[in-house]
Amino acid sequence: MKTKTLALFSGIVGLVGGILLLVGPFFILGTAAATASSDATAGSILLLNALKIANLVLGIIAIVYYKGDERVGVAPSELLIVGGSVAIIPFLGWIGGIIVLIGGSLFLGSLKNETN
């Protein structure tokens, strides 16, 4: 079912994205210190920025799709949107990661409410 697939995908992206946003600055720092080239550092920064935007877009898609649905509330979608927005702000990516992690876990928790 499409509803279950979107909730599962949002939950997995939220959990993995939240964890990566939490440890991402340390990964970037390690990449910059270990390599002399800036290509690897730029690649990891680009990956994290794409993840931030993906969480934001996925939250918007989910809030539009689940509008009026009692099984999946608005809280998981709003947390993905707020977490993605906060993570875009420099030096606040780890706070956005925590918010996205909570939103992803709420999406996975809402899968129990679906009857199928």
N, C-alpha and C. Protein backbone atom coordinates (compact mmCIF):
# COMPACT_ATOMS: atom_id res chain seq x y z
N MET A 1 0.84 -1.18 0.00
CA MET A 1 0.00 0.00 0.00
C MET A 1 0.89 1.24 0.00
N LYS A 2 0.47 2.25 -0.75
CA LYS A 2 1.28 3.45 -0.90
C LYS A 2 1.44 4.20 0.41
N THR A 3 0.41 4.21 1.23
CA THR A 3 0.48 4.91 2.50
C THR A 3 1.54 4.31 3.40
N LYS A 4 1.58 3.01 3.46
CA LYS A 4 2.55 2.32 4.30
C LYS A 4 3.96 2.51 3.76
N THR A 5 4.12 2.51 2.46
CA THR A 5 5.43 2.68 1.86
C THR A 5 6.00 4.06 2.14
N LEU A 6 5.18 5.10 2.01
CA LEU A 6 5.66 6.46 2.27
C LEU A 6 6.02 6.64 3.74
N ALA A 7 5.23 6.08 4.64
CA ALA A 7 5.55 6.19 6.06
C ALA A 7 6.83 5.42 6.39
N LEU A 8 7.00 4.25 5.80
CA LEU A 8 8.21 3.47 6.04
C LEU A 8 9.44 4.18 5.49
N PHE A 9 9.32 4.72 4.28
CA PHE A 9 10.44 5.44 3.67
C PHE A 9 10.78 6.70 4.46
N SER A 10 9.75 7.43 4.90
CA SER A 10 9.99 8.63 5.71
C SER A 10 10.64 8.29 7.03
N GLY A 11 10.23 7.19 7.63
CA GLY A 11 10.82 6.77 8.89
C GLY A 11 12.27 6.37 8.76
N ILE A 12 12.58 5.61 7.72
CA ILE A 12 13.96 5.16 7.52
C ILE A 12 14.86 6.34 7.17
N VAL A 13 14.39 7.21 6.28
CA VAL A 13 15.19 8.39 5.92
C VAL A 13 15.36 9.30 7.13
N GLY A 14 14.32 9.41 7.95
CA GLY A 14 14.42 10.23 9.15
C GLY A 14 15.42 9.68 10.15
N LEU A 15 15.39 8.37 10.37
CA LEU A 15 16.33 7.77 11.32
C LEU A 15 17.77 7.84 10.82
N VAL A 16 17.99 7.40 9.59
CA VAL A 16 19.34 7.42 9.04
C VAL A 16 19.83 8.85 8.87
N GLY A 17 18.95 9.72 8.38
CA GLY A 17 19.34 11.12 8.21
C GLY A 17 19.64 11.81 9.53
N GLY A 18 18.87 11.52 10.55
CA GLY A 18 19.12 12.12 11.85
C GLY A 18 20.45 11.68 12.44
N ILE A 19 20.75 10.40 12.29
CA ILE A 19 22.03 9.90 12.80
C ILE A 19 23.20 10.51 12.02
N LEU A 20 23.05 10.59 10.70
CA LEU A 20 24.13 11.18 9.90
C LEU A 20 24.29 12.67 10.17
N LEU A 21 23.19 13.37 10.43
CA LEU A 21 23.31 14.79 10.75
C LEU A 21 23.93 15.00 12.13
N LEU A 22 23.74 14.04 13.02
CA LEU A 22 24.37 14.14 14.34
C LEU A 22 25.88 13.95 14.26
N VAL A 23 26.32 12.95 13.52
CA VAL A 23 27.76 12.66 13.45
C VAL A 23 28.42 13.27 12.22
N GLY A 24 27.67 13.96 11.39
CA GLY A 24 28.19 14.55 10.16
C GLY A 24 29.32 15.54 10.35
N PRO A 25 29.20 16.47 11.30
CA PRO A 25 30.31 17.41 11.50
C PRO A 25 31.62 16.72 11.87
N PHE A 26 31.56 15.67 12.66
CA PHE A 26 32.77 14.92 13.00
C PHE A 26 33.33 14.20 11.78
N PHE A 27 32.44 13.71 10.93
CA PHE A 27 32.86 13.05 9.70
C PHE A 27 33.55 14.04 8.77
N ILE A 28 33.00 15.25 8.66
CA ILE A 28 33.60 16.28 7.82
C ILE A 28 34.96 16.70 8.38
N LEU A 29 35.04 16.85 9.69
CA LEU A 29 36.31 17.22 10.31
C LEU A 29 37.36 16.13 10.11
N GLY A 30 36.96 14.88 10.25
CA GLY A 30 37.90 13.78 10.02
C GLY A 30 38.33 13.69 8.58
N THR A 31 37.42 13.94 7.66
CA THR A 31 37.76 13.91 6.24
C THR A 31 38.72 15.03 5.90
N ALA A 32 38.50 16.21 6.46
CA ALA A 32 39.38 17.34 6.18
C ALA A 32 40.77 17.12 6.78
N ALA A 33 40.83 16.49 7.94
CA ALA A 33 42.12 16.27 8.58
C ALA A 33 42.89 15.12 7.95
N ALA A 34 42.20 14.11 7.45
CA ALA A 34 42.87 12.91 6.94
C ALA A 34 43.36 13.08 5.50
N THR A 35 42.69 13.89 4.72
CA THR A 35 43.07 14.03 3.32
C THR A 35 43.60 15.43 3.08
N ALA A 36 44.50 15.52 2.13
CA ALA A 36 45.05 16.82 1.78
C ALA A 36 44.21 17.50 0.70
N SER A 37 43.36 16.74 0.04
CA SER A 37 42.54 17.32 -1.03
C SER A 37 41.21 17.81 -0.46
N SER A 38 40.71 18.82 -1.08
CA SER A 38 39.42 19.36 -0.64
C SER A 38 38.25 18.67 -1.32
N ASP A 39 38.53 17.77 -2.25
CA ASP A 39 37.44 17.09 -2.97
C ASP A 39 36.63 16.19 -2.05
N ALA A 40 37.30 15.45 -1.18
CA ALA A 40 36.58 14.55 -0.27
C ALA A 40 35.76 15.34 0.75
N THR A 41 36.33 16.43 1.22
CA THR A 41 35.61 17.27 2.18
C THR A 41 34.39 17.91 1.53
N ALA A 42 34.56 18.40 0.32
CA ALA A 42 33.44 19.01 -0.40
C ALA A 42 32.36 17.97 -0.71
N GLY A 43 32.77 16.75 -1.00
CA GLY A 43 31.80 15.69 -1.27
C GLY A 43 30.98 15.34 -0.05
N SER A 44 31.62 15.28 1.11
CA SER A 44 30.87 14.96 2.33
C SER A 44 29.96 16.11 2.74
N ILE A 45 30.39 17.34 2.52
CA ILE A 45 29.53 18.49 2.81
C ILE A 45 28.33 18.49 1.87
N LEU A 46 28.56 18.17 0.60
CA LEU A 46 27.47 18.11 -0.37
C LEU A 46 26.48 17.01 -0.02
N LEU A 47 26.98 15.87 0.45
CA LEU A 47 26.10 14.77 0.85
C LEU A 47 25.21 15.18 2.03
N LEU A 48 25.78 15.84 3.02
CA LEU A 48 24.98 16.27 4.17
C LEU A 48 23.97 17.34 3.79
N ASN A 49 24.35 18.26 2.91
CA ASN A 49 23.40 19.28 2.47
C ASN A 49 22.26 18.67 1.67
N ALA A 50 22.55 17.68 0.85
CA ALA A 50 21.49 16.99 0.11
C ALA A 50 20.56 16.25 1.06
N LEU A 51 21.11 15.70 2.13
CA LEU A 51 20.31 15.00 3.13
C LEU A 51 19.39 15.97 3.87
N LYS A 52 19.88 17.15 4.17
CA LYS A 52 19.06 18.16 4.84
C LYS A 52 17.88 18.57 3.96
N ILE A 53 18.15 18.79 2.69
CA ILE A 53 17.08 19.19 1.77
C ILE A 53 16.12 18.03 1.53
N ALA A 54 16.63 16.81 1.48
CA ALA A 54 15.76 15.64 1.30
C ALA A 54 14.80 15.47 2.46
N ASN A 55 15.27 15.70 3.68
CA ASN A 55 14.38 15.62 4.84
C ASN A 55 13.30 16.69 4.78
N LEU A 56 13.68 17.88 4.37
CA LEU A 56 12.72 18.97 4.25
C LEU A 56 11.66 18.65 3.20
N VAL A 57 12.08 18.19 2.04
CA VAL A 57 11.15 17.88 0.95
C VAL A 57 10.27 16.69 1.31
N LEU A 58 10.84 15.68 1.93
CA LEU A 58 10.07 14.50 2.33
C LEU A 58 9.02 14.86 3.37
N GLY A 59 9.34 15.78 4.27
CA GLY A 59 8.36 16.24 5.24
C GLY A 59 7.20 16.97 4.58
N ILE A 60 7.50 17.78 3.57
CA ILE A 60 6.45 18.51 2.85
C ILE A 60 5.56 17.54 2.07
N ILE A 61 6.17 16.56 1.41
CA ILE A 61 5.39 15.57 0.67
C ILE A 61 4.49 14.78 1.62
N ALA A 62 5.03 14.40 2.76
CA ALA A 62 4.25 13.59 3.71
C ALA A 62 3.12 14.40 4.34
N ILE A 63 3.33 15.68 4.62
CA ILE A 63 2.26 16.46 5.24
C ILE A 63 1.12 16.71 4.26
N VAL A 64 1.44 16.82 2.98
CA VAL A 64 0.39 16.98 1.97
C VAL A 64 -0.34 15.66 1.77
N TYR A 65 0.40 14.55 1.74
CA TYR A 65 -0.20 13.25 1.48
C TYR A 65 -1.08 12.78 2.63
N TYR A 66 -0.64 13.01 3.86
CA TYR A 66 -1.37 12.52 5.03
C TYR A 66 -2.32 13.56 5.62
N LYS A 67 -2.70 14.55 4.86
CA LYS A 67 -3.62 15.57 5.35
C LYS A 67 -4.99 14.94 5.62
N GLY A 68 -5.45 15.05 6.85
CA GLY A 68 -6.74 14.51 7.23
C GLY A 68 -6.72 13.03 7.59
N ASP A 69 -5.58 12.40 7.63
CA ASP A 69 -5.48 10.99 7.97
C ASP A 69 -5.23 10.84 9.47
N GLU A 70 -6.06 10.04 10.13
CA GLU A 70 -5.92 9.88 11.58
C GLU A 70 -4.81 8.90 11.94
N ARG A 71 -4.48 8.00 11.03
CA ARG A 71 -3.47 6.99 11.35
C ARG A 71 -2.08 7.60 11.49
N VAL A 72 -1.79 8.56 10.65
CA VAL A 72 -0.50 9.26 10.71
C VAL A 72 -0.82 10.72 11.01
N GLY A 73 -0.39 11.19 12.15
CA GLY A 73 -0.66 12.57 12.53
C GLY A 73 0.23 13.55 11.77
N VAL A 74 0.11 14.81 12.13
CA VAL A 74 0.92 15.83 11.47
C VAL A 74 2.27 16.01 12.15
N ALA A 75 2.44 15.49 13.35
CA ALA A 75 3.68 15.70 14.10
C ALA A 75 4.92 15.13 13.40
N PRO A 76 4.90 13.91 12.87
CA PRO A 76 6.12 13.41 12.20
C PRO A 76 6.52 14.26 11.00
N SER A 77 5.54 14.67 10.20
CA SER A 77 5.85 15.48 9.03
C SER A 77 6.38 16.84 9.42
N GLU A 78 5.76 17.45 10.44
CA GLU A 78 6.22 18.76 10.89
C GLU A 78 7.62 18.68 11.48
N LEU A 79 7.92 17.59 12.16
CA LEU A 79 9.26 17.44 12.72
C LEU A 79 10.31 17.27 11.62
N LEU A 80 9.96 16.57 10.54
CA LEU A 80 10.90 16.47 9.42
C LEU A 80 11.12 17.83 8.77
N ILE A 81 10.06 18.62 8.64
CA ILE A 81 10.19 19.94 8.03
C ILE A 81 11.02 20.86 8.92
N VAL A 82 10.69 20.90 10.21
CA VAL A 82 11.43 21.77 11.14
C VAL A 82 12.88 21.31 11.27
N GLY A 83 13.08 20.00 11.37
CA GLY A 83 14.44 19.48 11.48
C GLY A 83 15.28 19.78 10.25
N GLY A 84 14.70 19.62 9.08
CA GLY A 84 15.43 19.95 7.85
C GLY A 84 15.72 21.43 7.74
N SER A 85 14.79 22.26 8.19
CA SER A 85 15.00 23.71 8.15
C SER A 85 16.07 24.15 9.13
N VAL A 86 16.03 23.60 10.33
CA VAL A 86 17.03 23.97 11.35
C VAL A 86 18.41 23.45 10.94
N ALA A 87 18.46 22.29 10.33
CA ALA A 87 19.74 21.70 9.94
C ALA A 87 20.43 22.51 8.85
N ILE A 88 19.67 23.24 8.05
CA ILE A 88 20.27 24.06 6.99
C ILE A 88 21.06 25.23 7.58
N ILE A 89 20.65 25.70 8.75
CA ILE A 89 21.35 26.81 9.40
C ILE A 89 22.74 26.33 9.83
N PRO A 90 23.78 27.08 9.49
CA PRO A 90 25.14 26.64 9.86
C PRO A 90 25.30 26.49 11.38
N PHE A 91 26.03 25.48 11.78
CA PHE A 91 26.35 25.13 13.17
C PHE A 91 25.15 24.61 13.96
N LEU A 92 24.00 24.44 13.35
CA LEU A 92 22.84 23.89 14.03
C LEU A 92 22.38 22.57 13.41
N GLY A 93 23.23 21.96 12.62
CA GLY A 93 22.87 20.71 11.96
C GLY A 93 22.61 19.58 12.94
N TRP A 94 23.32 19.56 14.06
CA TRP A 94 23.13 18.48 15.03
C TRP A 94 21.78 18.62 15.73
N ILE A 95 21.30 19.84 15.94
CA ILE A 95 19.97 20.03 16.54
C ILE A 95 18.90 19.57 15.55
N GLY A 96 19.08 19.93 14.28
CA GLY A 96 18.17 19.44 13.25
C GLY A 96 18.20 17.93 13.14
N GLY A 97 19.36 17.32 13.35
CA GLY A 97 19.47 15.87 13.33
C GLY A 97 18.66 15.21 14.42
N ILE A 98 18.66 15.81 15.61
CA ILE A 98 17.86 15.27 16.71
C ILE A 98 16.38 15.35 16.39
N ILE A 99 15.96 16.49 15.83
CA ILE A 99 14.54 16.68 15.50
C ILE A 99 14.12 15.71 14.39
N VAL A 100 14.95 15.55 13.38
CA VAL A 100 14.65 14.62 12.29
C VAL A 100 14.61 13.18 12.79
N LEU A 101 15.49 12.85 13.72
CA LEU A 101 15.50 11.51 14.31
C LEU A 101 14.20 11.22 15.05
N ILE A 102 13.69 12.19 15.77
CA ILE A 102 12.41 12.02 16.47
C ILE A 102 11.26 11.88 15.47
N GLY A 103 11.28 12.70 14.41
CA GLY A 103 10.24 12.60 13.39
C GLY A 103 10.24 11.26 12.68
N GLY A 104 11.43 10.74 12.37
CA GLY A 104 11.52 9.42 11.74
C GLY A 104 11.02 8.31 12.63
N SER A 105 11.31 8.41 13.93
CA SER A 105 10.82 7.38 14.84
C SER A 105 9.30 7.46 15.00
N LEU A 106 8.74 8.66 14.93
CA LEU A 106 7.28 8.79 14.98
C LEU A 106 6.62 8.20 13.73
N PHE A 107 7.28 8.37 12.58
CA PHE A 107 6.75 7.75 11.36
C PHE A 107 6.74 6.23 11.48
N LEU A 108 7.83 5.67 11.98
CA LEU A 108 7.87 4.22 12.14
C LEU A 108 6.90 3.75 13.21
N GLY A 109 6.68 4.56 14.23
CA GLY A 109 5.70 4.22 15.26
C GLY A 109 4.28 4.27 14.74
N SER A 110 4.03 5.11 13.73
CA SER A 110 2.68 5.20 13.17
C SER A 110 2.35 4.00 12.29
N LEU A 111 3.34 3.21 11.91
CA LEU A 111 3.06 2.01 11.12
C LEU A 111 2.27 0.98 11.91
N LYS A 112 2.36 1.02 13.23
CA LYS A 112 1.58 0.10 14.06
C LYS A 112 0.09 0.42 13.99
N ASN A 113 -0.23 1.70 13.75
CA ASN A 113 -1.63 2.12 13.73
C ASN A 113 -2.35 1.74 12.45
N GLU A 114 -1.61 1.41 11.39
CA GLU A 114 -2.23 1.08 10.11
C GLU A 114 -2.76 -0.35 10.14
N THR A 115 -3.97 -0.51 9.69
CA THR A 115 -4.58 -1.84 9.66
C THR A 115 -4.51 -2.38 8.24
N ASN A 116 -3.61 -3.28 8.01
CA ASN A 116 -3.45 -3.94 6.70
C ASN A 116 -2.70 -5.20 6.86
